[in-house]
């Protein structure tokens, strides 16, 4: 089964070709960009499920700052789209900074094809399994009501809300 759309951004055409072959059986659509300044306009024009972003571009100074810059811009504009970073430099402090700045994962070049697709699918799966806050809240309320054996007054006390507030939350749609 193929998964939605992946946007791959790397300034090396050979890397893009290799990723195209590697990911063709996994994703329905592979959007390839060589210039990171095309990321935001491309994502504004079409739905993207995941981004694979190189950390270093030839215009930069190979410090990884370009990738971190674009990671920040992507997280601001599209916070629900996971970004996996790709780099030839297995720099642990850089990887930690990237993860702290919102990267979903970090992959080093050269990559193992199976490992790459596995990581991308795992990121997609974890992104899709995020439960909406209302559902989490309702499940928490149900557990409190169950522990209180259906006694709403006791359940409200356990939750730190008034009985009326609990009643309203149980009845909202």
N, C-alpha and C. Protein backbone atom coordinates (compact mmCIF):
# COMPACT_ATOMS: atom_id res chain seq x y z
N UNK A 1 0.83 -1.18 0.00
CA UNK A 1 0.00 0.00 0.00
C UNK A 1 0.88 1.25 0.00
N UNK A 2 0.63 2.15 -0.93
CA UNK A 2 1.41 3.38 -1.01
C UNK A 2 0.79 4.45 -0.11
N UNK A 3 1.66 5.30 0.40
CA UNK A 3 1.26 6.39 1.27
C UNK A 3 1.34 7.70 0.52
N UNK A 4 0.52 8.65 0.81
CA UNK A 4 0.41 9.98 0.25
C UNK A 4 1.60 10.59 -0.45
N UNK A 5 1.92 11.80 -0.07
CA UNK A 5 2.93 12.60 -0.77
C UNK A 5 4.10 12.92 0.15
N UNK A 6 5.30 12.71 -0.37
CA UNK A 6 6.51 13.11 0.31
C UNK A 6 7.17 14.21 -0.50
N UNK A 7 7.64 15.23 0.17
CA UNK A 7 8.39 16.30 -0.48
C UNK A 7 9.85 16.11 -0.06
N UNK A 8 10.72 15.97 -1.06
CA UNK A 8 12.14 15.78 -0.80
C UNK A 8 12.89 17.00 -1.30
N UNK A 9 13.70 17.59 -0.43
CA UNK A 9 14.46 18.78 -0.81
C UNK A 9 15.94 18.54 -0.56
N UNK A 10 16.71 18.49 -1.66
CA UNK A 10 18.16 18.29 -1.60
C UNK A 10 18.73 18.95 -2.84
N UNK A 11 19.84 19.65 -2.70
CA UNK A 11 20.41 20.35 -3.85
C UNK A 11 21.23 19.45 -4.76
N UNK A 12 21.38 18.18 -4.42
CA UNK A 12 22.13 17.23 -5.22
C UNK A 12 21.15 16.41 -6.07
N UNK A 13 21.21 16.59 -7.37
CA UNK A 13 20.30 15.90 -8.28
C UNK A 13 20.45 14.38 -8.21
N UNK A 14 21.67 13.89 -7.97
CA UNK A 14 21.88 12.45 -7.85
C UNK A 14 21.17 11.89 -6.62
N UNK A 15 21.20 12.64 -5.53
CA UNK A 15 20.50 12.22 -4.30
C UNK A 15 19.00 12.17 -4.58
N UNK A 16 18.47 13.18 -5.26
CA UNK A 16 17.04 13.20 -5.58
C UNK A 16 16.65 12.00 -6.45
N UNK A 17 17.49 11.66 -7.40
CA UNK A 17 17.21 10.50 -8.26
C UNK A 17 17.23 9.21 -7.44
N UNK A 18 18.22 9.07 -6.58
CA UNK A 18 18.32 7.87 -5.74
C UNK A 18 17.10 7.77 -4.81
N UNK A 19 16.69 8.89 -4.23
CA UNK A 19 15.53 8.88 -3.35
C UNK A 19 14.24 8.59 -4.12
N UNK A 20 14.16 9.07 -5.34
CA UNK A 20 13.00 8.81 -6.18
C UNK A 20 12.85 7.30 -6.39
N UNK A 21 13.94 6.62 -6.74
CA UNK A 21 13.90 5.17 -6.92
C UNK A 21 13.58 4.46 -5.60
N UNK A 22 14.21 4.91 -4.54
CA UNK A 22 14.04 4.27 -3.24
C UNK A 22 12.61 4.39 -2.72
N UNK A 23 11.98 5.53 -2.93
CA UNK A 23 10.68 5.82 -2.33
C UNK A 23 9.49 5.55 -3.26
N UNK A 24 9.76 5.19 -4.51
CA UNK A 24 8.68 5.03 -5.50
C UNK A 24 7.65 3.97 -5.10
N UNK A 25 8.08 2.93 -4.43
CA UNK A 25 7.13 1.89 -4.02
C UNK A 25 6.42 2.21 -2.71
N UNK A 26 6.85 3.26 -2.03
CA UNK A 26 6.30 3.60 -0.72
C UNK A 26 5.31 4.76 -0.78
N UNK A 27 5.57 5.73 -1.67
CA UNK A 27 4.74 6.93 -1.73
C UNK A 27 4.06 7.06 -3.09
N UNK A 28 2.81 7.53 -3.05
CA UNK A 28 2.08 7.77 -4.30
C UNK A 28 2.71 8.89 -5.11
N UNK A 29 3.10 9.96 -4.41
CA UNK A 29 3.69 11.12 -5.08
C UNK A 29 4.99 11.51 -4.39
N UNK A 30 6.00 11.77 -5.20
CA UNK A 30 7.28 12.25 -4.68
C UNK A 30 7.54 13.59 -5.35
N UNK A 31 7.54 14.64 -4.56
CA UNK A 31 7.81 15.98 -5.06
C UNK A 31 9.27 16.26 -4.73
N UNK A 32 10.05 16.62 -5.75
CA UNK A 32 11.47 16.84 -5.57
C UNK A 32 11.82 18.31 -5.81
N UNK A 33 12.56 18.88 -4.86
CA UNK A 33 13.02 20.26 -4.98
C UNK A 33 14.52 20.32 -4.77
N UNK A 34 15.18 21.18 -5.53
CA UNK A 34 16.62 21.39 -5.33
C UNK A 34 16.90 22.67 -4.56
N UNK A 35 15.89 23.52 -4.43
CA UNK A 35 16.07 24.80 -3.75
C UNK A 35 15.12 24.90 -2.56
N UNK A 36 15.65 25.08 -1.35
CA UNK A 36 14.79 25.13 -0.18
C UNK A 36 13.83 26.32 -0.15
N UNK A 37 14.15 27.38 -0.89
CA UNK A 37 13.23 28.53 -0.89
C UNK A 37 11.95 28.22 -1.65
N UNK A 38 11.86 27.05 -2.29
CA UNK A 38 10.64 26.61 -2.97
C UNK A 38 9.75 25.76 -2.05
N UNK A 39 10.24 25.43 -0.86
CA UNK A 39 9.49 24.58 0.07
C UNK A 39 8.12 25.16 0.41
N UNK A 40 8.10 26.39 0.92
CA UNK A 40 6.84 26.98 1.38
C UNK A 40 5.85 27.21 0.25
N UNK A 41 6.27 27.77 -0.90
CA UNK A 41 5.31 27.92 -1.99
C UNK A 41 4.76 26.57 -2.49
N UNK A 42 5.61 25.55 -2.53
CA UNK A 42 5.17 24.24 -2.98
C UNK A 42 4.15 23.66 -2.01
N UNK A 43 4.42 23.79 -0.71
CA UNK A 43 3.50 23.25 0.29
C UNK A 43 2.21 24.05 0.37
N UNK A 44 2.26 25.31 -0.02
CA UNK A 44 1.03 26.11 -0.05
C UNK A 44 0.15 25.69 -1.23
N UNK A 45 0.77 25.15 -2.27
CA UNK A 45 0.03 24.79 -3.48
C UNK A 45 -0.50 23.36 -3.48
N UNK A 46 0.06 22.50 -2.63
CA UNK A 46 -0.39 21.11 -2.63
C UNK A 46 -0.22 20.49 -1.25
N UNK A 47 -0.97 19.43 -1.02
CA UNK A 47 -0.91 18.72 0.26
C UNK A 47 0.33 17.84 0.30
N UNK A 48 1.07 17.95 1.39
CA UNK A 48 2.27 17.15 1.61
C UNK A 48 2.10 16.45 2.95
N UNK A 49 2.39 15.15 2.98
CA UNK A 49 2.23 14.37 4.20
C UNK A 49 3.49 14.33 5.05
N UNK A 50 4.66 14.44 4.41
CA UNK A 50 5.93 14.37 5.12
C UNK A 50 7.00 15.06 4.27
N UNK A 51 7.99 15.64 4.93
CA UNK A 51 9.10 16.31 4.22
C UNK A 51 10.40 15.63 4.61
N UNK A 52 11.22 15.36 3.61
CA UNK A 52 12.59 14.87 3.81
C UNK A 52 13.50 16.00 3.36
N UNK A 53 14.18 16.62 4.30
CA UNK A 53 14.93 17.86 4.06
C UNK A 53 16.41 17.68 4.33
N UNK A 54 17.23 18.03 3.34
CA UNK A 54 18.68 18.01 3.51
C UNK A 54 19.08 19.11 4.50
N UNK A 55 20.14 18.86 5.24
CA UNK A 55 20.60 19.86 6.21
C UNK A 55 21.52 20.90 5.59
N UNK A 56 22.22 20.54 4.54
CA UNK A 56 23.24 21.44 3.99
C UNK A 56 23.02 21.67 2.51
N UNK A 57 23.03 22.92 2.12
CA UNK A 57 22.87 23.29 0.72
C UNK A 57 24.12 24.01 0.27
N UNK A 58 24.49 23.88 -1.03
CA UNK A 58 25.75 24.43 -1.53
C UNK A 58 25.86 25.93 -1.35
N UNK A 59 24.72 26.61 -1.21
CA UNK A 59 24.76 28.05 -1.00
C UNK A 59 25.18 28.39 0.42
N UNK A 60 25.08 27.43 1.31
CA UNK A 60 25.40 27.67 2.72
C UNK A 60 26.84 27.37 3.02
N UNK A 61 27.15 27.32 4.31
CA UNK A 61 28.53 27.08 4.72
C UNK A 61 28.73 25.68 5.30
N UNK A 62 27.81 24.76 4.97
CA UNK A 62 27.89 23.37 5.41
C UNK A 62 27.91 23.22 6.92
N UNK A 63 27.26 24.10 7.62
CA UNK A 63 27.21 24.01 9.08
C UNK A 63 25.91 23.40 9.56
N UNK A 64 24.98 23.18 8.65
CA UNK A 64 23.68 22.65 9.04
C UNK A 64 22.68 23.74 9.36
N UNK A 65 23.14 24.99 9.41
CA UNK A 65 22.23 26.08 9.76
C UNK A 65 21.15 26.28 8.71
N UNK A 66 21.46 25.98 7.45
CA UNK A 66 20.45 26.16 6.41
C UNK A 66 19.27 25.23 6.66
N UNK A 67 19.57 23.97 6.96
CA UNK A 67 18.52 23.00 7.24
C UNK A 67 17.72 23.38 8.47
N UNK A 68 18.40 23.84 9.51
CA UNK A 68 17.69 24.26 10.72
C UNK A 68 16.82 25.48 10.45
N UNK A 69 17.32 26.38 9.61
CA UNK A 69 16.52 27.56 9.23
C UNK A 69 15.23 27.11 8.55
N UNK A 70 15.35 26.23 7.56
CA UNK A 70 14.17 25.79 6.82
C UNK A 70 13.27 24.90 7.66
N UNK A 71 13.86 24.15 8.56
CA UNK A 71 13.05 23.36 9.51
C UNK A 71 12.16 24.31 10.32
N UNK A 72 12.75 25.38 10.83
CA UNK A 72 11.97 26.36 11.60
C UNK A 72 10.86 26.99 10.78
N UNK A 73 11.16 27.34 9.56
CA UNK A 73 10.14 27.94 8.68
C UNK A 73 9.01 26.95 8.40
N UNK A 74 9.36 25.69 8.16
CA UNK A 74 8.34 24.67 7.91
C UNK A 74 7.48 24.43 9.15
N UNK A 75 8.10 24.37 10.32
CA UNK A 75 7.36 24.13 11.56
C UNK A 75 6.39 25.28 11.83
N UNK A 76 6.80 26.51 11.50
CA UNK A 76 5.91 27.67 11.68
C UNK A 76 4.72 27.61 10.73
N UNK A 77 5.00 27.35 9.47
CA UNK A 77 3.96 27.40 8.44
C UNK A 77 3.10 26.14 8.39
N UNK A 78 3.68 25.00 8.70
CA UNK A 78 2.97 23.72 8.58
C UNK A 78 3.31 22.83 9.79
N UNK A 79 2.83 23.20 10.97
CA UNK A 79 3.22 22.47 12.18
C UNK A 79 2.77 21.01 12.22
N UNK A 80 1.78 20.65 11.42
CA UNK A 80 1.29 19.27 11.43
C UNK A 80 2.01 18.35 10.44
N UNK A 81 2.89 18.91 9.62
CA UNK A 81 3.61 18.09 8.64
C UNK A 81 4.98 17.73 9.23
N UNK A 82 5.24 16.43 9.43
CA UNK A 82 6.53 16.04 10.01
C UNK A 82 7.67 16.27 9.02
N UNK A 83 8.82 16.65 9.59
CA UNK A 83 10.03 16.90 8.80
C UNK A 83 11.12 15.95 9.29
N UNK A 84 11.67 15.17 8.36
CA UNK A 84 12.80 14.30 8.65
C UNK A 84 14.01 14.92 7.97
N UNK A 85 15.10 15.07 8.72
CA UNK A 85 16.29 15.70 8.18
C UNK A 85 17.28 14.66 7.67
N UNK A 86 17.97 15.03 6.61
CA UNK A 86 18.92 14.15 5.93
C UNK A 86 20.25 14.88 5.85
N UNK A 87 21.34 14.23 6.28
CA UNK A 87 22.63 14.88 6.23
C UNK A 87 23.76 13.89 6.00
N UNK A 88 24.83 14.38 5.40
CA UNK A 88 26.03 13.57 5.20
C UNK A 88 26.93 13.65 6.43
N UNK A 89 26.64 14.58 7.31
CA UNK A 89 27.49 14.80 8.48
C UNK A 89 26.80 14.24 9.72
N UNK A 90 27.31 13.13 10.23
CA UNK A 90 26.72 12.50 11.41
C UNK A 90 27.18 13.24 12.66
N UNK A 91 26.72 14.44 12.81
CA UNK A 91 27.08 15.33 13.89
C UNK A 91 26.02 15.23 14.98
N UNK A 92 26.37 14.60 16.10
CA UNK A 92 25.39 14.36 17.16
C UNK A 92 24.81 15.66 17.73
N UNK A 93 25.63 16.68 18.04
CA UNK A 93 25.04 17.93 18.54
C UNK A 93 24.06 18.56 17.54
N UNK A 94 24.38 18.47 16.24
CA UNK A 94 23.48 19.00 15.22
C UNK A 94 22.17 18.21 15.21
N UNK A 95 22.26 16.90 15.32
CA UNK A 95 21.06 16.06 15.35
C UNK A 95 20.20 16.41 16.56
N UNK A 96 20.82 16.60 17.70
CA UNK A 96 20.08 16.97 18.92
C UNK A 96 19.39 18.31 18.73
N UNK A 97 20.11 19.28 18.17
CA UNK A 97 19.50 20.61 17.91
C UNK A 97 18.32 20.48 16.97
N UNK A 98 18.48 19.67 15.93
CA UNK A 98 17.41 19.49 14.95
C UNK A 98 16.17 18.88 15.62
N UNK A 99 16.37 17.85 16.43
CA UNK A 99 15.24 17.21 17.10
C UNK A 99 14.58 18.16 18.09
N UNK A 100 15.37 18.95 18.80
CA UNK A 100 14.81 19.93 19.73
C UNK A 100 14.04 21.02 18.99
N UNK A 101 14.42 21.29 17.75
CA UNK A 101 13.74 22.31 16.95
C UNK A 101 12.54 21.76 16.18
N UNK A 102 12.19 20.51 16.43
CA UNK A 102 10.96 19.98 15.84
C UNK A 102 11.11 18.95 14.75
N UNK A 103 12.32 18.53 14.43
CA UNK A 103 12.47 17.47 13.44
C UNK A 103 11.88 16.18 14.00
N UNK A 104 11.22 15.42 13.14
CA UNK A 104 10.62 14.16 13.57
C UNK A 104 11.66 13.06 13.67
N UNK A 105 12.71 13.14 12.86
CA UNK A 105 13.79 12.15 12.89
C UNK A 105 14.96 12.70 12.11
N UNK A 106 16.05 11.94 12.08
CA UNK A 106 17.31 12.38 11.50
C UNK A 106 17.93 11.18 10.81
N UNK A 107 18.30 11.31 9.54
CA UNK A 107 18.88 10.21 8.77
C UNK A 107 20.20 10.67 8.17
N UNK A 108 21.20 9.81 8.24
CA UNK A 108 22.50 10.18 7.69
C UNK A 108 22.72 9.53 6.33
N UNK A 109 23.48 10.24 5.49
CA UNK A 109 23.90 9.73 4.19
C UNK A 109 25.24 9.03 4.39
N UNK A 110 25.52 7.98 3.72
CA UNK A 110 24.61 7.21 2.89
C UNK A 110 23.61 6.46 3.78
N UNK A 111 22.43 6.26 3.26
CA UNK A 111 21.38 5.62 4.03
C UNK A 111 21.16 4.19 3.53
N UNK A 112 20.56 3.40 4.36
CA UNK A 112 20.09 2.07 3.97
C UNK A 112 18.64 2.26 3.52
N UNK A 113 18.30 1.80 2.32
CA UNK A 113 16.96 2.03 1.77
C UNK A 113 15.85 1.52 2.69
N UNK A 114 16.01 0.32 3.22
CA UNK A 114 14.97 -0.25 4.09
C UNK A 114 14.84 0.57 5.38
N UNK A 115 15.97 0.97 5.94
CA UNK A 115 15.94 1.78 7.16
C UNK A 115 15.28 3.14 6.90
N UNK A 116 15.61 3.74 5.77
CA UNK A 116 15.03 5.04 5.42
C UNK A 116 13.52 4.94 5.29
N UNK A 117 13.03 3.98 4.50
CA UNK A 117 11.59 3.87 4.32
C UNK A 117 10.91 3.50 5.64
N UNK A 118 11.54 2.66 6.43
CA UNK A 118 10.98 2.28 7.73
C UNK A 118 10.84 3.49 8.64
N UNK A 119 11.87 4.34 8.70
CA UNK A 119 11.81 5.54 9.53
C UNK A 119 10.72 6.50 9.05
N UNK A 120 10.65 6.68 7.74
CA UNK A 120 9.64 7.59 7.20
C UNK A 120 8.22 7.08 7.51
N UNK A 121 8.01 5.80 7.35
CA UNK A 121 6.69 5.24 7.63
C UNK A 121 6.36 5.31 9.12
N UNK A 122 7.36 5.12 9.96
CA UNK A 122 7.15 5.21 11.40
C UNK A 122 6.77 6.64 11.80
N UNK A 123 7.43 7.62 11.19
CA UNK A 123 7.10 9.02 11.45
C UNK A 123 5.68 9.33 10.99
N UNK A 124 5.32 8.86 9.80
CA UNK A 124 3.96 9.07 9.30
C UNK A 124 2.93 8.44 10.23
N UNK A 125 3.21 7.22 10.66
CA UNK A 125 2.28 6.52 11.54
C UNK A 125 2.11 7.25 12.87
N UNK A 126 3.21 7.69 13.45
CA UNK A 126 3.11 8.38 14.74
C UNK A 126 2.41 9.72 14.58
N UNK A 127 2.57 10.35 13.44
CA UNK A 127 1.91 11.62 13.19
C UNK A 127 0.40 11.44 13.02
N UNK A 128 -0.01 10.32 12.42
CA UNK A 128 -1.42 10.06 12.19
C UNK A 128 -2.13 9.56 13.43
N UNK A 129 -1.41 8.99 14.37
CA UNK A 129 -2.06 8.43 15.54
C UNK A 129 -2.24 9.46 16.65
N UNK A 130 -1.91 10.69 16.41
CA UNK A 130 -2.11 11.73 17.41
C UNK A 130 -3.61 11.93 17.58
N UNK A 131 -4.07 11.73 18.79
CA UNK A 131 -5.49 11.79 19.10
C UNK A 131 -5.88 13.23 19.41
N UNK A 132 -7.00 13.71 18.86
CA UNK A 132 -7.44 15.07 19.16
C UNK A 132 -7.67 15.26 20.66
N UNK A 133 -7.42 16.46 21.14
CA UNK A 133 -7.52 16.79 22.55
C UNK A 133 -8.90 16.47 23.13
N UNK A 134 -9.96 16.75 22.38
CA UNK A 134 -11.31 16.46 22.87
C UNK A 134 -11.49 14.97 23.17
N UNK A 135 -10.91 14.12 22.33
CA UNK A 135 -11.03 12.68 22.55
C UNK A 135 -10.25 12.25 23.78
N UNK A 136 -9.07 12.83 23.96
CA UNK A 136 -8.26 12.51 25.14
C UNK A 136 -9.00 12.94 26.40
N UNK A 137 -9.55 14.15 26.37
CA UNK A 137 -10.29 14.65 27.52
C UNK A 137 -11.50 13.75 27.82
N UNK A 138 -12.24 13.37 26.80
CA UNK A 138 -13.44 12.54 27.02
C UNK A 138 -13.05 11.18 27.59
N UNK A 139 -11.96 10.60 27.10
CA UNK A 139 -11.51 9.31 27.63
C UNK A 139 -11.12 9.46 29.10
N UNK A 140 -10.46 10.54 29.44
CA UNK A 140 -10.06 10.80 30.84
C UNK A 140 -11.31 10.95 31.72
N UNK A 141 -12.29 11.66 31.24
CA UNK A 141 -13.56 11.83 31.98
C UNK A 141 -14.24 10.48 32.17
N UNK A 142 -14.29 9.68 31.12
CA UNK A 142 -14.93 8.35 31.23
C UNK A 142 -14.26 7.48 32.28
N UNK A 143 -12.93 7.53 32.31
CA UNK A 143 -12.20 6.75 33.32
C UNK A 143 -12.53 7.23 34.73
N UNK A 144 -12.62 8.54 34.91
CA UNK A 144 -12.96 9.08 36.24
C UNK A 144 -14.37 8.67 36.64
N UNK A 145 -15.31 8.73 35.71
CA UNK A 145 -16.70 8.32 36.00
C UNK A 145 -16.74 6.83 36.32
N UNK A 146 -15.97 6.02 35.60
CA UNK A 146 -15.92 4.59 35.89
C UNK A 146 -15.35 4.33 37.28
N UNK A 147 -14.27 5.02 37.64
CA UNK A 147 -13.68 4.86 38.98
C UNK A 147 -14.64 5.28 40.08
N UNK A 148 -15.48 6.25 39.76
CA UNK A 148 -16.46 6.73 40.74
C UNK A 148 -17.75 5.93 40.67
N UNK A 149 -17.74 4.83 39.93
CA UNK A 149 -18.91 3.97 39.77
C UNK A 149 -20.14 4.75 39.32
N UNK A 150 -19.92 5.69 38.41
CA UNK A 150 -21.03 6.46 37.84
C UNK A 150 -21.48 7.66 38.66
N UNK A 151 -20.88 7.86 39.81
CA UNK A 151 -21.24 8.99 40.67
C UNK A 151 -20.58 10.26 40.11
N UNK A 152 -21.37 11.13 39.47
CA UNK A 152 -20.82 12.33 38.83
C UNK A 152 -20.24 13.31 39.84
N UNK A 153 -20.83 13.39 41.00
CA UNK A 153 -20.31 14.31 42.02
C UNK A 153 -18.90 13.88 42.43
N UNK A 154 -18.72 12.59 42.68
CA UNK A 154 -17.40 12.07 43.05
C UNK A 154 -16.42 12.19 41.89
N UNK A 155 -16.86 11.87 40.67
CA UNK A 155 -15.99 11.99 39.50
C UNK A 155 -15.55 13.44 39.29
N UNK A 156 -16.47 14.39 39.46
CA UNK A 156 -16.13 15.81 39.32
C UNK A 156 -15.08 16.21 40.34
N UNK A 157 -15.24 15.72 41.56
CA UNK A 157 -14.27 16.03 42.62
C UNK A 157 -12.89 15.47 42.26
N UNK A 158 -12.88 14.23 41.74
CA UNK A 158 -11.62 13.61 41.32
C UNK A 158 -10.94 14.40 40.20
N UNK A 159 -11.73 14.97 39.33
CA UNK A 159 -11.20 15.73 38.18
C UNK A 159 -10.90 17.18 38.53
N UNK A 160 -11.35 17.64 39.67
CA UNK A 160 -11.10 19.03 40.08
C UNK A 160 -11.98 20.03 39.37
N UNK A 161 -13.20 19.60 39.01
CA UNK A 161 -14.16 20.50 38.36
C UNK A 161 -15.49 20.40 39.12
N UNK A 162 -16.39 21.31 38.84
CA UNK A 162 -17.71 21.23 39.46
C UNK A 162 -18.53 20.15 38.76
N UNK A 163 -19.56 19.70 39.44
CA UNK A 163 -20.45 18.68 38.87
C UNK A 163 -21.09 19.22 37.59
N UNK A 164 -21.48 20.51 37.59
CA UNK A 164 -22.10 21.10 36.41
C UNK A 164 -21.13 21.14 35.23
N UNK A 165 -19.87 21.48 35.49
CA UNK A 165 -18.86 21.50 34.43
C UNK A 165 -18.68 20.10 33.85
N UNK A 166 -18.60 19.09 34.72
CA UNK A 166 -18.48 17.72 34.25
C UNK A 166 -19.68 17.32 33.42
N UNK A 167 -20.85 17.65 33.90
CA UNK A 167 -22.09 17.34 33.18
C UNK A 167 -22.09 18.00 31.79
N UNK A 168 -21.68 19.26 31.73
CA UNK A 168 -21.62 19.98 30.45
C UNK A 168 -20.63 19.34 29.49
N UNK A 169 -19.48 18.94 29.99
CA UNK A 169 -18.47 18.31 29.13
C UNK A 169 -18.94 16.95 28.63
N UNK A 170 -19.66 16.24 29.45
CA UNK A 170 -20.18 14.94 29.03
C UNK A 170 -21.25 15.09 27.94
N UNK A 171 -21.97 16.20 27.95
CA UNK A 171 -23.08 16.38 27.02
C UNK A 171 -22.76 17.24 25.80
N UNK A 172 -21.53 17.74 25.70
CA UNK A 172 -21.22 18.55 24.50
C UNK A 172 -20.87 17.63 23.34
N UNK A 173 -21.06 18.17 22.15
CA UNK A 173 -20.81 17.36 20.95
C UNK A 173 -19.68 17.89 20.16
